[in-house]
Structures are given as structure tokens and as C-alpha cells.
Amino acid sequence: MKEKINFNPIKITLSLLFLFINVISAQAQVTKQSSTEITLPDAARFSYRSSGVISKQDFLTRNSLTLVEPYDTIFQVASFRLTRIRKGTTPVEVENIKNGELLDSMRALISSSRPGDKFYFEYIKCTDKNGAVLTLKALTFVID
């Protein structure tokens, strides 16, 4: 004896809709995870240091922010902001949104620095080949 199968078009439609919603939700979660920012302290360096007193000449001889191992093989500096704080004046900010290199305007800012000026490398963002974003701890230097 053959069993008769009763198809309910409403149940089938609802099941397919439920499946579709689950697939879309899973894709959204994957996208959200790949663009999630991770904060990682002490991975960036400038002049082999993360902070401290630095001479204007030493500051100017360096070309870029670097990353410590093992991050240097996985990530690239994508952007950062250099801020100069001088007592009694308004802070000056210059942003590089392309890479970890010092821009000419940053070099000019460093060239015009005086002893006691503070420089902050802030909002340091790194990316990997899959688009994951790392936010790094700020670096602080004082000109001697």
C-alpha cells in the first residue's frame, strides 16, 4: 500500500522563508566578524620604541611606524594621526589615511618642534589581507 503524501504549500513556503532568513543572518554575522575592530596594545613602534624622550634628529630620520613580530608579517599600518602638543598652544593634528609613512606635513611639524613638545601617534589602524582591522595603542614621545 502506498502512502499518500500531503503537501501543504503554506508550510513549504514558510520553511523556505525560515531557511532563507537563517542564511542571510549567518552571512551578516560573518561580515560583522570580518569588520570587527580588535584593540591590541604595544604592537606599534616608532624608532624602535613605543614611548619616551626622543631627539628631533632621531624623530626625523625615521620614515614610518613599524609593527613588532609577529604582527609585522600579518598586518600593515593603514592609517594614523600625529598630534603635537605644545604648552600654551592649540594642538596640531595631521592624519595619514593611506599607510604608516610620515607625510611631508608631519615632517614639517616635527622640524618646527621645540624641546618639551609632545607627539602622539594616535588612532593607529592596521589591516590584514582579509580586511580585519586592528586598533593599536597610542605612542607618546617628548622632544628633548
Protein backbone atom coordinates (compact mmCIF):
# COMPACT_ATOMS: atom_id res chain seq x y z
CA MET A 1 0.00 0.00 0.00
CA LYS A 2 1.32 3.38 -1.00
CA GLU A 3 1.25 6.14 1.49
CA LYS A 4 -0.24 9.39 0.31
CA ILE A 5 1.95 12.42 0.97
CA ASN A 6 0.06 15.59 1.63
CA PHE A 7 1.93 18.74 0.55
CA ASN A 8 1.00 21.89 2.32
CA PRO A 9 2.17 24.86 0.21
CA ILE A 10 1.99 27.26 3.15
CA LYS A 11 4.25 25.05 5.30
CA ILE A 12 6.73 24.65 2.45
CA THR A 13 6.78 28.40 1.82
CA LEU A 14 7.30 29.16 5.50
CA SER A 15 10.07 26.57 5.75
CA LEU A 16 11.88 28.05 2.75
CA LEU A 17 11.46 31.56 4.13
CA PHE A 18 12.84 30.44 7.51
CA LEU A 19 15.83 28.82 5.76
CA PHE A 20 16.45 31.97 3.69
CA ILE A 21 16.38 34.18 6.82
CA ASN A 22 18.87 31.89 8.58
CA VAL A 23 21.27 32.02 5.61
CA ILE A 24 21.07 35.83 5.42
CA SER A 25 21.60 36.09 9.19
CA ALA A 26 24.68 33.83 9.02
CA GLN A 27 26.14 35.92 6.19
CA ALA A 28 25.58 39.10 8.20
CA GLN A 29 27.38 37.60 11.20
CA VAL A 30 30.38 36.62 9.07
CA THR A 31 30.52 40.13 7.58
CA LYS A 32 30.23 41.64 11.03
CA GLN A 33 33.07 39.46 12.36
CA SER A 34 35.40 40.33 9.49
CA SER A 35 34.98 44.06 10.07
CA THR A 36 35.19 43.89 13.86
CA GLU A 37 37.95 46.00 15.30
CA ILE A 38 40.34 44.41 17.75
CA THR A 39 42.39 46.57 20.09
CA LEU A 40 45.93 45.36 20.55
CA PRO A 41 48.29 47.19 22.92
CA ASP A 42 52.01 47.65 22.31
CA ALA A 43 52.29 46.32 18.76
CA ALA A 44 53.44 49.55 17.06
CA ARG A 45 56.86 51.17 17.25
CA PHE A 46 58.48 54.35 16.06
CA SER A 47 62.25 54.45 16.19
CA TYR A 48 62.11 51.01 17.84
CA ARG A 49 60.21 52.46 20.82
CA SER A 50 56.62 52.84 21.93
CA SER A 51 57.19 55.96 24.05
CA GLY A 52 59.82 58.13 25.68
CA VAL A 53 62.13 61.04 25.07
CA ILE A 54 63.41 61.43 21.53
CA SER A 55 65.64 63.96 19.77
CA LYS A 56 64.27 65.94 16.87
CA GLN A 57 67.00 64.49 14.62
CA ASP A 58 66.16 60.89 15.58
CA PHE A 59 62.49 61.64 15.01
CA LEU A 60 63.20 62.99 11.51
CA THR A 61 65.46 60.10 10.45
CA ARG A 62 62.61 57.59 10.74
CA ASN A 63 60.19 57.19 7.86
CA SER A 64 57.30 55.19 9.25
CA LEU A 65 55.56 53.37 12.05
CA THR A 66 56.56 49.73 12.32
CA LEU A 67 54.93 46.69 13.88
CA VAL A 68 56.55 44.17 16.18
CA GLU A 69 56.71 40.44 15.42
CA PRO A 70 54.54 38.54 14.60
CA TYR A 71 52.18 41.35 13.61
CA ASP A 72 54.60 42.79 11.04
CA THR A 73 54.14 39.74 8.79
CA ILE A 74 50.33 39.72 9.03
CA PHE A 75 49.27 43.36 9.26
CA GLN A 76 50.08 46.66 7.57
CA VAL A 77 49.59 50.11 9.07
CA ALA A 78 46.63 51.59 7.21
CA SER A 79 46.27 54.97 8.92
CA PHE A 80 47.21 57.05 11.95
CA ARG A 81 47.11 60.56 13.32
CA LEU A 82 50.16 62.50 14.55
CA THR A 83 49.33 65.17 17.12
CA ARG A 84 51.74 67.77 18.51
CA ILE A 85 51.01 69.28 21.91
CA ARG A 86 52.91 72.42 22.85
CA LYS A 87 52.28 74.15 26.13
CA GLY A 88 50.15 77.28 25.66
CA THR A 89 49.13 76.50 22.06
CA THR A 90 46.38 74.64 20.27
CA PRO A 91 47.20 71.01 19.44
CA VAL A 92 48.15 70.41 15.80
CA GLU A 93 46.91 67.20 14.14
CA VAL A 94 47.99 65.67 10.85
CA GLU A 95 46.44 62.44 9.57
CA ASN A 96 47.75 59.84 7.16
CA ILE A 97 44.88 57.73 5.82
CA LYS A 98 46.97 55.72 3.33
CA ASN A 99 49.74 53.93 5.24
CA GLY A 100 52.23 54.16 8.11
CA GLU A 101 54.61 56.59 6.41
CA LEU A 102 55.37 60.07 7.72
CA LEU A 103 53.93 62.70 5.39
CA ASP A 104 55.79 65.88 4.42
CA SER A 105 53.38 67.89 6.58
CA MET A 106 54.26 65.62 9.53
CA ARG A 107 57.98 66.14 8.90
CA ALA A 108 57.41 69.91 8.81
CA LEU A 109 55.57 69.70 12.13
CA ILE A 110 58.43 67.71 13.66
CA SER A 111 61.02 70.11 12.19
CA SER A 112 59.31 73.04 13.89
CA SER A 113 59.21 71.25 17.26
CA ARG A 114 60.82 72.59 20.41
CA PRO A 115 62.17 70.79 23.49
CA GLY A 116 59.23 69.67 25.64
CA ASP A 117 56.79 69.29 22.73
CA LYS A 118 54.79 66.08 22.94
CA PHE A 119 53.93 64.00 19.91
CA TYR A 120 51.22 61.34 19.88
CA PHE A 121 50.73 58.69 17.23
CA GLU A 122 47.03 58.01 17.73
CA TYR A 123 44.21 56.08 16.08
CA ILE A 124 46.72 53.66 14.58
CA LYS A 125 44.76 51.26 12.37
CA CYS A 126 46.22 48.13 10.79
CA THR A 127 44.61 45.77 8.31
CA ASP A 128 45.33 42.25 7.10
CA LYS A 129 44.71 40.79 3.64
CA ASN A 130 41.18 39.72 4.68
CA GLY A 131 40.18 43.21 5.82
CA ALA A 132 40.37 42.59 9.57
CA VAL A 133 41.12 45.85 11.37
CA LEU A 134 43.38 46.20 14.40
CA THR A 135 43.42 49.34 16.53
CA LEU A 136 46.76 49.87 18.23
CA LYS A 137 47.71 51.64 21.43
CA ALA A 138 48.87 55.25 21.01
CA LEU A 139 52.58 56.07 21.07
CA THR A 140 53.83 59.10 23.03
CA PHE A 141 57.12 60.94 22.56
CA VAL A 142 58.63 64.06 24.09
CA ILE A 143 61.24 66.10 22.19
CA ASP A 144 64.42 66.68 24.18
